[in-house]
N, C-alpha and C. Protein backbone atom coordinates (compact mmCIF):
# COMPACT_ATOMS: atom_id res chain seq x y z
N MET A 1 171.32 112.98 3.93
CA MET A 1 171.97 114.11 4.58
C MET A 1 170.96 114.79 5.51
N SER A 2 171.45 115.26 6.62
CA SER A 2 170.59 115.85 7.65
C SER A 2 170.59 117.38 7.58
N PHE A 3 169.51 117.95 8.09
CA PHE A 3 169.41 119.41 8.18
C PHE A 3 169.75 119.92 9.58
N GLN A 4 170.47 119.15 10.36
CA GLN A 4 170.79 119.56 11.72
C GLN A 4 171.69 120.78 11.79
N PHE A 5 172.29 121.16 10.69
CA PHE A 5 173.14 122.37 10.65
C PHE A 5 172.31 123.66 10.70
N LEU A 6 171.02 123.57 10.41
CA LEU A 6 170.18 124.77 10.34
C LEU A 6 169.97 125.40 11.70
N ASP A 7 170.00 126.72 11.71
CA ASP A 7 169.60 127.48 12.89
C ASP A 7 168.93 128.77 12.40
N HIS A 8 168.54 129.61 13.33
CA HIS A 8 167.72 130.77 12.96
C HIS A 8 168.52 131.90 12.28
N THR A 9 169.77 131.62 11.91
CA THR A 9 170.55 132.62 11.16
C THR A 9 170.48 132.36 9.66
N TRP A 10 169.83 131.27 9.25
CA TRP A 10 169.77 130.90 7.83
C TRP A 10 168.64 131.61 7.11
N THR A 11 168.86 131.83 5.81
CA THR A 11 167.85 132.43 4.93
C THR A 11 167.39 131.38 3.93
N LEU A 12 166.09 131.38 3.68
CA LEU A 12 165.49 130.47 2.71
C LEU A 12 165.05 131.27 1.49
N PHE A 13 165.62 130.93 0.34
CA PHE A 13 165.20 131.50 -0.94
C PHE A 13 164.35 130.46 -1.66
N LEU A 14 163.19 130.88 -2.13
CA LEU A 14 162.27 129.97 -2.80
C LEU A 14 161.93 130.46 -4.20
N ASP A 15 162.01 129.56 -5.16
CA ASP A 15 161.42 129.81 -6.46
C ASP A 15 159.90 129.72 -6.26
N ARG A 16 159.13 130.24 -7.20
CA ARG A 16 157.68 130.20 -7.05
C ARG A 16 157.04 129.08 -7.87
N ASP A 17 157.01 129.22 -9.19
CA ASP A 17 156.30 128.27 -10.04
C ASP A 17 156.96 126.89 -10.01
N GLY A 18 156.18 125.88 -9.66
CA GLY A 18 156.69 124.53 -9.55
C GLY A 18 157.17 124.18 -8.16
N VAL A 19 157.28 125.18 -7.29
CA VAL A 19 157.72 124.97 -5.91
C VAL A 19 156.59 125.34 -4.95
N ILE A 20 156.19 126.60 -4.97
CA ILE A 20 155.11 127.08 -4.11
C ILE A 20 153.76 126.78 -4.78
N ASN A 21 153.68 127.06 -6.06
CA ASN A 21 152.44 126.81 -6.80
C ASN A 21 152.71 125.90 -7.98
N LYS A 22 151.64 125.28 -8.46
CA LYS A 22 151.74 124.39 -9.61
C LYS A 22 152.08 125.20 -10.86
N ARG A 23 153.01 124.65 -11.63
CA ARG A 23 153.37 125.26 -12.92
C ARG A 23 152.23 125.11 -13.89
N LEU A 24 152.17 126.04 -14.81
CA LEU A 24 151.26 125.93 -15.95
C LEU A 24 152.13 125.84 -17.19
N PRO A 25 152.58 124.63 -17.55
CA PRO A 25 153.51 124.50 -18.68
C PRO A 25 152.97 125.18 -19.94
N GLY A 26 153.84 125.96 -20.55
CA GLY A 26 153.48 126.64 -21.79
C GLY A 26 152.79 127.98 -21.60
N THR A 27 152.48 128.33 -20.35
CA THR A 27 151.85 129.63 -20.09
C THR A 27 152.27 130.13 -18.71
N TYR A 28 151.59 131.13 -18.21
CA TYR A 28 151.98 131.79 -16.96
C TYR A 28 150.78 131.90 -16.03
N VAL A 29 151.04 131.91 -14.74
CA VAL A 29 149.99 132.18 -13.76
C VAL A 29 149.76 133.69 -13.79
N LYS A 30 148.62 134.09 -14.33
CA LYS A 30 148.34 135.52 -14.54
C LYS A 30 147.32 136.07 -13.55
N THR A 31 146.54 135.18 -12.95
CA THR A 31 145.47 135.61 -12.04
C THR A 31 145.42 134.70 -10.82
N ILE A 32 144.72 135.15 -9.82
CA ILE A 32 144.52 134.33 -8.61
C ILE A 32 143.82 133.03 -8.98
N ASP A 33 142.88 133.09 -9.89
CA ASP A 33 142.14 131.89 -10.30
C ASP A 33 143.04 130.82 -10.92
N GLU A 34 144.16 131.25 -11.50
CA GLU A 34 145.08 130.31 -12.13
C GLU A 34 146.14 129.80 -11.14
N PHE A 35 146.17 130.38 -9.95
CA PHE A 35 147.17 130.02 -8.94
C PHE A 35 146.66 128.87 -8.10
N SER A 36 147.46 127.83 -7.99
CA SER A 36 147.11 126.68 -7.16
C SER A 36 148.36 126.23 -6.41
N PHE A 37 148.31 126.22 -5.09
CA PHE A 37 149.46 125.79 -4.30
C PHE A 37 149.80 124.33 -4.63
N THR A 38 151.08 123.99 -4.58
CA THR A 38 151.47 122.59 -4.73
C THR A 38 150.93 121.84 -3.51
N PRO A 39 150.75 120.51 -3.62
CA PRO A 39 150.15 119.75 -2.53
C PRO A 39 150.83 119.98 -1.17
N ASN A 40 150.02 120.34 -0.20
CA ASN A 40 150.46 120.56 1.19
C ASN A 40 151.49 121.67 1.37
N ALA A 41 151.69 122.49 0.36
CA ALA A 41 152.70 123.57 0.45
C ALA A 41 152.41 124.48 1.64
N LEU A 42 151.16 124.81 1.87
CA LEU A 42 150.84 125.74 2.96
C LEU A 42 151.24 125.16 4.32
N SER A 43 151.29 123.85 4.44
CA SER A 43 151.73 123.23 5.69
C SER A 43 153.24 123.34 5.91
N ALA A 44 153.96 123.66 4.86
CA ALA A 44 155.42 123.80 4.97
C ALA A 44 155.82 125.12 5.63
N PHE A 45 155.03 126.17 5.42
CA PHE A 45 155.46 127.50 5.82
C PHE A 45 155.57 127.72 7.33
N PRO A 46 154.72 127.13 8.17
CA PRO A 46 154.94 127.27 9.61
C PRO A 46 156.27 126.65 10.06
N ILE A 47 156.69 125.58 9.40
CA ILE A 47 157.99 124.96 9.70
C ILE A 47 159.11 125.92 9.32
N PHE A 48 159.01 126.49 8.12
CA PHE A 48 160.03 127.44 7.68
C PHE A 48 160.09 128.64 8.62
N GLN A 49 158.94 129.10 9.07
CA GLN A 49 158.86 130.25 9.98
C GLN A 49 159.62 129.97 11.27
N THR A 50 159.54 128.72 11.75
CA THR A 50 160.21 128.33 12.98
C THR A 50 161.72 128.27 12.82
N VAL A 51 162.17 127.86 11.64
CA VAL A 51 163.58 127.56 11.43
C VAL A 51 164.38 128.73 10.86
N PHE A 52 163.86 129.36 9.81
CA PHE A 52 164.66 130.33 9.06
C PHE A 52 164.47 131.75 9.55
N ASN A 53 165.53 132.55 9.46
CA ASN A 53 165.47 133.96 9.83
C ASN A 53 164.65 134.75 8.80
N LYS A 54 164.87 134.45 7.53
CA LYS A 54 164.17 135.13 6.44
C LYS A 54 163.71 134.10 5.41
N THR A 55 162.56 134.36 4.82
CA THR A 55 162.07 133.55 3.71
C THR A 55 161.76 134.50 2.56
N ILE A 56 162.45 134.30 1.45
CA ILE A 56 162.39 135.24 0.32
C ILE A 56 162.08 134.48 -0.96
N VAL A 57 161.13 134.99 -1.72
CA VAL A 57 160.77 134.41 -3.01
C VAL A 57 161.56 135.14 -4.10
N VAL A 58 162.16 134.37 -5.01
CA VAL A 58 162.87 134.92 -6.16
C VAL A 58 162.32 134.21 -7.39
N THR A 59 161.67 134.96 -8.28
CA THR A 59 160.95 134.33 -9.37
C THR A 59 161.12 135.08 -10.70
N ASN A 60 161.46 134.32 -11.73
CA ASN A 60 161.50 134.88 -13.08
C ASN A 60 160.06 134.95 -13.59
N GLN A 61 159.63 136.11 -14.04
CA GLN A 61 158.25 136.31 -14.51
C GLN A 61 158.25 137.04 -15.85
N GLN A 62 158.81 136.37 -16.87
CA GLN A 62 158.94 137.01 -18.18
C GLN A 62 157.61 137.18 -18.89
N GLY A 63 156.52 136.64 -18.35
CA GLY A 63 155.20 136.89 -18.94
C GLY A 63 154.89 138.38 -19.00
N ILE A 64 155.47 139.14 -18.06
CA ILE A 64 155.29 140.60 -18.07
C ILE A 64 156.03 141.19 -19.27
N GLY A 65 157.27 140.83 -19.42
CA GLY A 65 158.07 141.33 -20.54
C GLY A 65 157.51 140.95 -21.90
N LYS A 66 156.81 139.82 -21.94
CA LYS A 66 156.19 139.37 -23.19
C LYS A 66 154.82 140.01 -23.43
N GLY A 67 154.34 140.79 -22.46
CA GLY A 67 153.05 141.44 -22.62
C GLY A 67 151.85 140.54 -22.38
N ILE A 68 152.08 139.38 -21.78
CA ILE A 68 151.00 138.42 -21.52
C ILE A 68 150.26 138.79 -20.23
N MET A 69 150.95 139.47 -19.34
CA MET A 69 150.38 139.90 -18.07
C MET A 69 151.02 141.22 -17.67
N THR A 70 150.46 141.87 -16.68
CA THR A 70 151.01 143.15 -16.22
C THR A 70 151.66 142.98 -14.85
N LYS A 71 152.46 143.96 -14.47
CA LYS A 71 153.03 143.96 -13.13
C LYS A 71 151.93 143.98 -12.08
N GLU A 72 150.86 144.69 -12.38
CA GLU A 72 149.72 144.75 -11.45
C GLU A 72 149.09 143.38 -11.27
N ASP A 73 148.97 142.61 -12.36
CA ASP A 73 148.47 141.24 -12.26
C ASP A 73 149.35 140.42 -11.32
N LEU A 74 150.66 140.53 -11.51
CA LEU A 74 151.61 139.76 -10.71
C LEU A 74 151.54 140.18 -9.24
N ILE A 75 151.48 141.47 -8.98
CA ILE A 75 151.40 141.95 -7.60
C ILE A 75 150.14 141.44 -6.92
N GLU A 76 149.03 141.44 -7.65
CA GLU A 76 147.77 140.93 -7.08
C GLU A 76 147.91 139.45 -6.71
N VAL A 77 148.52 138.65 -7.58
CA VAL A 77 148.75 137.23 -7.29
C VAL A 77 149.65 137.08 -6.06
N HIS A 78 150.72 137.87 -5.99
CA HIS A 78 151.66 137.75 -4.87
C HIS A 78 151.03 138.21 -3.56
N GLU A 79 150.21 139.23 -3.60
CA GLU A 79 149.53 139.66 -2.36
C GLU A 79 148.59 138.56 -1.87
N TRP A 80 147.84 137.94 -2.78
CA TRP A 80 146.94 136.86 -2.41
C TRP A 80 147.72 135.67 -1.86
N MET A 81 148.81 135.30 -2.55
CA MET A 81 149.66 134.19 -2.11
C MET A 81 150.21 134.46 -0.71
N SER A 82 150.69 135.68 -0.47
CA SER A 82 151.23 136.06 0.83
C SER A 82 150.18 135.97 1.93
N GLU A 83 148.96 136.42 1.63
CA GLU A 83 147.87 136.34 2.61
C GLU A 83 147.60 134.89 3.01
N LYS A 84 147.57 133.99 2.04
CA LYS A 84 147.33 132.57 2.32
C LYS A 84 148.47 131.97 3.14
N VAL A 85 149.70 132.34 2.83
CA VAL A 85 150.86 131.84 3.58
C VAL A 85 150.81 132.35 5.02
N GLU A 86 150.49 133.64 5.20
CA GLU A 86 150.39 134.19 6.55
C GLU A 86 149.26 133.53 7.33
N ALA A 87 148.15 133.25 6.69
CA ALA A 87 147.04 132.58 7.35
C ALA A 87 147.42 131.17 7.79
N SER A 88 148.39 130.57 7.10
CA SER A 88 148.85 129.22 7.45
C SER A 88 149.89 129.23 8.57
N GLY A 89 150.37 130.41 8.96
CA GLY A 89 151.38 130.50 10.01
C GLY A 89 152.78 130.77 9.51
N GLY A 90 152.91 131.13 8.24
CA GLY A 90 154.22 131.44 7.68
C GLY A 90 154.28 132.88 7.25
N ARG A 91 155.35 133.23 6.51
CA ARG A 91 155.44 134.58 5.96
C ARG A 91 156.55 134.65 4.93
N PHE A 92 156.42 135.62 4.05
CA PHE A 92 157.50 135.97 3.14
C PHE A 92 158.05 137.31 3.60
N ASP A 93 159.35 137.40 3.76
CA ASP A 93 159.95 138.68 4.12
C ASP A 93 160.06 139.59 2.91
N ALA A 94 160.15 138.98 1.73
CA ALA A 94 160.20 139.75 0.49
C ALA A 94 159.90 138.82 -0.68
N ILE A 95 159.38 139.41 -1.74
CA ILE A 95 159.17 138.70 -3.00
C ILE A 95 159.82 139.55 -4.09
N TYR A 96 160.80 138.97 -4.75
CA TYR A 96 161.48 139.65 -5.85
C TYR A 96 161.16 138.93 -7.15
N TYR A 97 160.96 139.69 -8.21
CA TYR A 97 160.68 139.08 -9.49
C TYR A 97 161.46 139.81 -10.57
N CYS A 98 161.73 139.07 -11.65
CA CYS A 98 162.38 139.65 -12.81
C CYS A 98 161.39 139.58 -13.96
N ALA A 99 160.95 140.75 -14.43
CA ALA A 99 159.91 140.84 -15.45
C ALA A 99 160.45 140.78 -16.88
N GLU A 100 161.75 140.96 -17.04
CA GLU A 100 162.33 140.98 -18.38
C GLU A 100 162.37 139.59 -18.98
N THR A 101 162.44 139.53 -20.30
CA THR A 101 162.48 138.25 -21.01
C THR A 101 163.89 137.65 -20.99
N ALA A 102 163.92 136.34 -21.21
CA ALA A 102 165.21 135.64 -21.27
C ALA A 102 166.08 136.20 -22.39
N ILE A 103 165.47 136.60 -23.49
CA ILE A 103 166.22 137.14 -24.64
C ILE A 103 166.96 138.42 -24.25
N GLU A 104 166.34 139.22 -23.37
CA GLU A 104 166.99 140.45 -22.91
C GLU A 104 168.19 140.17 -22.02
N ASP A 105 168.23 138.97 -21.40
CA ASP A 105 169.34 138.52 -20.56
C ASP A 105 169.68 139.52 -19.43
N PRO A 106 168.68 139.92 -18.64
CA PRO A 106 168.93 140.91 -17.60
C PRO A 106 169.65 140.32 -16.39
N PHE A 107 170.27 141.18 -15.62
CA PHE A 107 171.02 140.77 -14.42
C PHE A 107 170.10 140.20 -13.34
N CYS A 108 168.82 140.58 -13.39
CA CYS A 108 167.88 140.10 -12.37
C CYS A 108 167.40 138.68 -12.65
N ARG A 109 167.54 138.19 -13.86
CA ARG A 109 166.95 136.89 -14.22
C ARG A 109 167.85 135.73 -13.79
N LYS A 110 167.28 134.83 -12.98
CA LYS A 110 168.05 133.64 -12.60
C LYS A 110 168.45 132.87 -13.86
N PRO A 111 169.65 132.37 -13.96
CA PRO A 111 170.57 132.10 -12.85
C PRO A 111 171.46 133.27 -12.42
N LYS A 112 171.35 134.42 -13.06
CA LYS A 112 172.15 135.57 -12.63
C LYS A 112 171.71 135.98 -11.22
N PRO A 113 172.60 136.59 -10.43
CA PRO A 113 172.36 136.79 -9.00
C PRO A 113 171.62 138.07 -8.60
N GLY A 114 171.09 138.82 -9.55
CA GLY A 114 170.52 140.13 -9.23
C GLY A 114 169.51 140.15 -8.11
N MET A 115 168.56 139.22 -8.09
CA MET A 115 167.53 139.24 -7.05
C MET A 115 168.11 138.94 -5.67
N ALA A 116 169.08 138.04 -5.60
CA ALA A 116 169.71 137.74 -4.31
C ALA A 116 170.52 138.92 -3.80
N LEU A 117 171.23 139.58 -4.70
CA LEU A 117 172.02 140.75 -4.29
C LEU A 117 171.12 141.88 -3.82
N LYS A 118 169.97 142.04 -4.45
CA LYS A 118 168.99 143.03 -4.00
C LYS A 118 168.50 142.68 -2.61
N ALA A 119 168.21 141.40 -2.37
CA ALA A 119 167.76 140.96 -1.05
C ALA A 119 168.82 141.26 0.01
N LYS A 120 170.09 141.04 -0.32
CA LYS A 120 171.17 141.29 0.64
C LYS A 120 171.31 142.78 0.95
N ARG A 121 171.06 143.63 -0.05
CA ARG A 121 171.10 145.08 0.22
C ARG A 121 169.98 145.48 1.18
N VAL A 122 168.81 144.89 1.01
CA VAL A 122 167.67 145.21 1.87
C VAL A 122 167.82 144.56 3.24
N PHE A 123 168.35 143.35 3.28
CA PHE A 123 168.52 142.59 4.53
C PHE A 123 169.99 142.24 4.70
N PRO A 124 170.80 143.15 5.26
CA PRO A 124 172.25 142.91 5.37
C PRO A 124 172.62 141.68 6.21
N SER A 125 171.69 141.16 7.00
CA SER A 125 171.98 139.98 7.81
C SER A 125 172.06 138.70 6.97
N ILE A 126 171.65 138.77 5.71
CA ILE A 126 171.72 137.60 4.83
C ILE A 126 173.18 137.30 4.51
N HIS A 127 173.55 136.05 4.69
CA HIS A 127 174.86 135.55 4.27
C HIS A 127 174.59 134.37 3.35
N PHE A 128 175.07 134.44 2.14
CA PHE A 128 174.74 133.41 1.16
C PHE A 128 175.26 132.04 1.56
N GLU A 129 176.37 131.99 2.29
CA GLU A 129 176.87 130.69 2.73
C GLU A 129 175.98 130.08 3.82
N LYS A 130 175.06 130.89 4.36
CA LYS A 130 174.07 130.39 5.31
C LYS A 130 172.67 130.62 4.73
N SER A 131 172.54 130.25 3.45
CA SER A 131 171.27 130.37 2.73
C SER A 131 171.02 129.09 1.96
N MET A 132 169.74 128.84 1.72
CA MET A 132 169.33 127.71 0.89
C MET A 132 168.47 128.23 -0.24
N MET A 133 168.69 127.69 -1.44
CA MET A 133 167.87 128.01 -2.60
C MET A 133 167.09 126.76 -2.97
N VAL A 134 165.76 126.91 -3.00
CA VAL A 134 164.87 125.80 -3.32
C VAL A 134 164.22 126.10 -4.67
N GLY A 135 164.41 125.21 -5.63
CA GLY A 135 163.82 125.43 -6.95
C GLY A 135 163.64 124.16 -7.73
N ASP A 136 162.90 124.27 -8.81
CA ASP A 136 162.62 123.09 -9.64
C ASP A 136 163.31 123.16 -11.00
N SER A 137 164.09 124.19 -11.24
CA SER A 137 164.71 124.33 -12.56
C SER A 137 166.23 124.45 -12.47
N LYS A 138 166.85 124.19 -13.61
CA LYS A 138 168.31 124.29 -13.71
C LYS A 138 168.78 125.69 -13.30
N SER A 139 168.05 126.72 -13.72
CA SER A 139 168.47 128.09 -13.40
C SER A 139 168.41 128.36 -11.89
N ASP A 140 167.48 127.73 -11.18
CA ASP A 140 167.40 127.90 -9.72
C ASP A 140 168.63 127.31 -9.04
N ILE A 141 169.00 126.11 -9.45
CA ILE A 141 170.15 125.43 -8.83
C ILE A 141 171.44 126.19 -9.17
N GLU A 142 171.58 126.63 -10.41
CA GLU A 142 172.76 127.40 -10.81
C GLU A 142 172.84 128.71 -10.02
N PHE A 143 171.71 129.37 -9.84
CA PHE A 143 171.62 130.61 -9.06
C PHE A 143 172.16 130.38 -7.65
N GLY A 144 171.66 129.36 -6.99
CA GLY A 144 172.11 129.06 -5.63
C GLY A 144 173.58 128.70 -5.58
N GLN A 145 174.02 127.86 -6.50
CA GLN A 145 175.42 127.43 -6.48
C GLN A 145 176.36 128.59 -6.77
N TYR A 146 176.01 129.46 -7.68
CA TYR A 146 176.84 130.62 -8.01
C TYR A 146 177.08 131.48 -6.77
N LEU A 147 176.06 131.59 -5.92
CA LEU A 147 176.15 132.43 -4.73
C LEU A 147 176.69 131.69 -3.50
N GLY A 148 176.98 130.41 -3.64
CA GLY A 148 177.52 129.64 -2.53
C GLY A 148 176.47 129.15 -1.55
N MET A 149 175.21 129.08 -1.99
CA MET A 149 174.12 128.59 -1.14
C MET A 149 174.06 127.06 -1.21
N ARG A 150 173.40 126.47 -0.22
CA ARG A 150 173.01 125.07 -0.33
C ARG A 150 171.80 125.04 -1.27
N THR A 151 171.72 124.02 -2.10
CA THR A 151 170.64 123.97 -3.08
C THR A 151 169.73 122.78 -2.83
N VAL A 152 168.44 123.03 -3.03
CA VAL A 152 167.41 122.01 -2.86
C VAL A 152 166.61 121.95 -4.15
N TRP A 153 166.62 120.79 -4.77
CA TRP A 153 165.91 120.58 -6.03
C TRP A 153 164.56 119.95 -5.74
N ILE A 154 163.50 120.62 -6.16
CA ILE A 154 162.16 120.05 -6.11
C ILE A 154 161.90 119.42 -7.48
N LYS A 155 161.83 118.11 -7.50
CA LYS A 155 161.70 117.38 -8.76
C LYS A 155 160.34 117.64 -9.37
N GLY A 156 160.33 118.06 -10.59
CA GLY A 156 159.07 118.34 -11.24
C GLY A 156 159.22 118.52 -12.74
N LYS A 157 160.18 119.31 -13.14
CA LYS A 157 160.39 119.59 -14.56
C LYS A 157 161.08 118.40 -15.21
N GLU A 158 160.28 117.47 -15.72
CA GLU A 158 160.83 116.25 -16.33
C GLU A 158 161.88 116.58 -17.39
N GLU A 159 161.64 117.65 -18.15
CA GLU A 159 162.53 117.99 -19.25
C GLU A 159 163.91 118.46 -18.78
N GLU A 160 164.05 118.77 -17.49
CA GLU A 160 165.33 119.25 -16.99
C GLU A 160 165.99 118.29 -15.99
N HIS A 161 165.39 117.12 -15.77
CA HIS A 161 165.91 116.21 -14.74
C HIS A 161 167.39 115.91 -14.89
N GLN A 162 167.81 115.51 -16.10
CA GLN A 162 169.21 115.12 -16.27
C GLN A 162 170.14 116.32 -16.08
N ALA A 163 169.77 117.47 -16.63
CA ALA A 163 170.61 118.67 -16.50
C ALA A 163 170.75 119.07 -15.04
N ILE A 164 169.66 118.97 -14.30
CA ILE A 164 169.71 119.34 -12.87
C ILE A 164 170.52 118.31 -12.09
N ALA A 165 170.29 117.04 -12.34
CA ALA A 165 171.04 115.98 -11.65
C ALA A 165 172.54 116.16 -11.87
N ASN A 166 172.93 116.59 -13.07
CA ASN A 166 174.34 116.81 -13.38
C ASN A 166 174.95 117.95 -12.56
N LEU A 167 174.11 118.85 -12.05
CA LEU A 167 174.60 119.95 -11.20
C LEU A 167 174.85 119.51 -9.76
N ASN A 168 174.39 118.31 -9.41
CA ASN A 168 174.57 117.78 -8.06
C ASN A 168 174.04 118.71 -6.97
N PRO A 169 172.73 119.01 -6.97
CA PRO A 169 172.19 119.82 -5.88
C PRO A 169 172.42 119.11 -4.55
N ASP A 170 172.47 119.88 -3.48
CA ASP A 170 172.75 119.31 -2.16
C ASP A 170 171.66 118.37 -1.68
N PHE A 171 170.42 118.68 -2.02
CA PHE A 171 169.27 117.89 -1.59
C PHE A 171 168.28 117.81 -2.74
N SER A 172 167.43 116.79 -2.73
CA SER A 172 166.33 116.72 -3.69
C SER A 172 165.12 116.10 -3.01
N PHE A 173 163.97 116.65 -3.35
CA PHE A 173 162.70 116.19 -2.77
C PHE A 173 161.63 116.23 -3.85
N ASP A 174 160.55 115.50 -3.61
CA ASP A 174 159.44 115.48 -4.55
C ASP A 174 158.54 116.70 -4.43
N SER A 175 158.62 117.41 -3.28
CA SER A 175 157.74 118.56 -3.06
C SER A 175 158.32 119.47 -2.00
N LEU A 176 157.80 120.69 -1.95
CA LEU A 176 158.17 121.63 -0.89
C LEU A 176 157.79 121.07 0.47
N PHE A 177 156.63 120.43 0.54
CA PHE A 177 156.17 119.84 1.78
C PHE A 177 157.13 118.73 2.26
N ALA A 178 157.61 117.87 1.36
CA ALA A 178 158.55 116.81 1.74
C ALA A 178 159.84 117.41 2.28
N PHE A 179 160.31 118.49 1.69
CA PHE A 179 161.49 119.22 2.18
C PHE A 179 161.24 119.72 3.61
N ALA A 180 160.11 120.34 3.84
CA ALA A 180 159.78 120.86 5.17
C ALA A 180 159.65 119.74 6.19
N GLU A 181 159.05 118.64 5.79
CA GLU A 181 158.88 117.50 6.71
C GLU A 181 160.23 116.92 7.12
N LYS A 182 161.19 116.89 6.20
CA LYS A 182 162.54 116.38 6.52
C LYS A 182 163.23 117.33 7.52
N ILE A 183 163.06 118.63 7.34
CA ILE A 183 163.61 119.59 8.31
C ILE A 183 162.97 119.35 9.68
N LYS A 184 161.66 119.23 9.69
CA LYS A 184 160.92 119.02 10.95
C LYS A 184 161.43 117.77 11.67
N LYS A 185 161.63 116.70 10.93
CA LYS A 185 162.12 115.45 11.51
C LYS A 185 163.54 115.60 12.04
N ASP A 186 164.43 116.17 11.22
CA ASP A 186 165.84 116.29 11.60
C ASP A 186 166.04 117.20 12.81
N LEU A 187 165.20 118.22 12.93
CA LEU A 187 165.36 119.18 14.03
C LEU A 187 164.41 118.91 15.19
N ASN A 188 163.68 117.80 15.11
CA ASN A 188 162.72 117.41 16.17
C ASN A 188 161.76 118.53 16.52
N LEU A 189 161.15 119.11 15.51
CA LEU A 189 160.21 120.21 15.73
C LEU A 189 158.82 119.68 16.04
């Protein structure tokens, strides 16, 4: 399938762990030292900058709710991540996170739509039918589908492969960079 339908009116929603940065299975990225971009991820952001109107990160961060890290820790990581993305020629228009635990079942936690609805209140030009959700987990794909977005699965969570495949995401790639390269090719950038 081609990305020729994309134009500068589209919004890109990105999960963080496993998409932008390497996951730390069984724990959380709590510091800059623990943060490592996925291979060639920084090369993807200039392409996204060219194509998408907005690029927004939506990330579940229950390590805060569990007391493993603080909001200040998370903000420091996100500020550092944003600086690196900007230095590469990209940008995030917003980063939203849900700090509550899965047990609390908050409206902000994906697959529930709270973070996307917050983004739409801040950026009224967002239309979910002209948005893409890129994620590596079942909750990311469900989040995008619930809102009527096109969904992009970044293959990584081996334990969720079958569950995600059963959701029939619109696209699947091995990495964020591979997704960006396909856009670049399809749009002759």
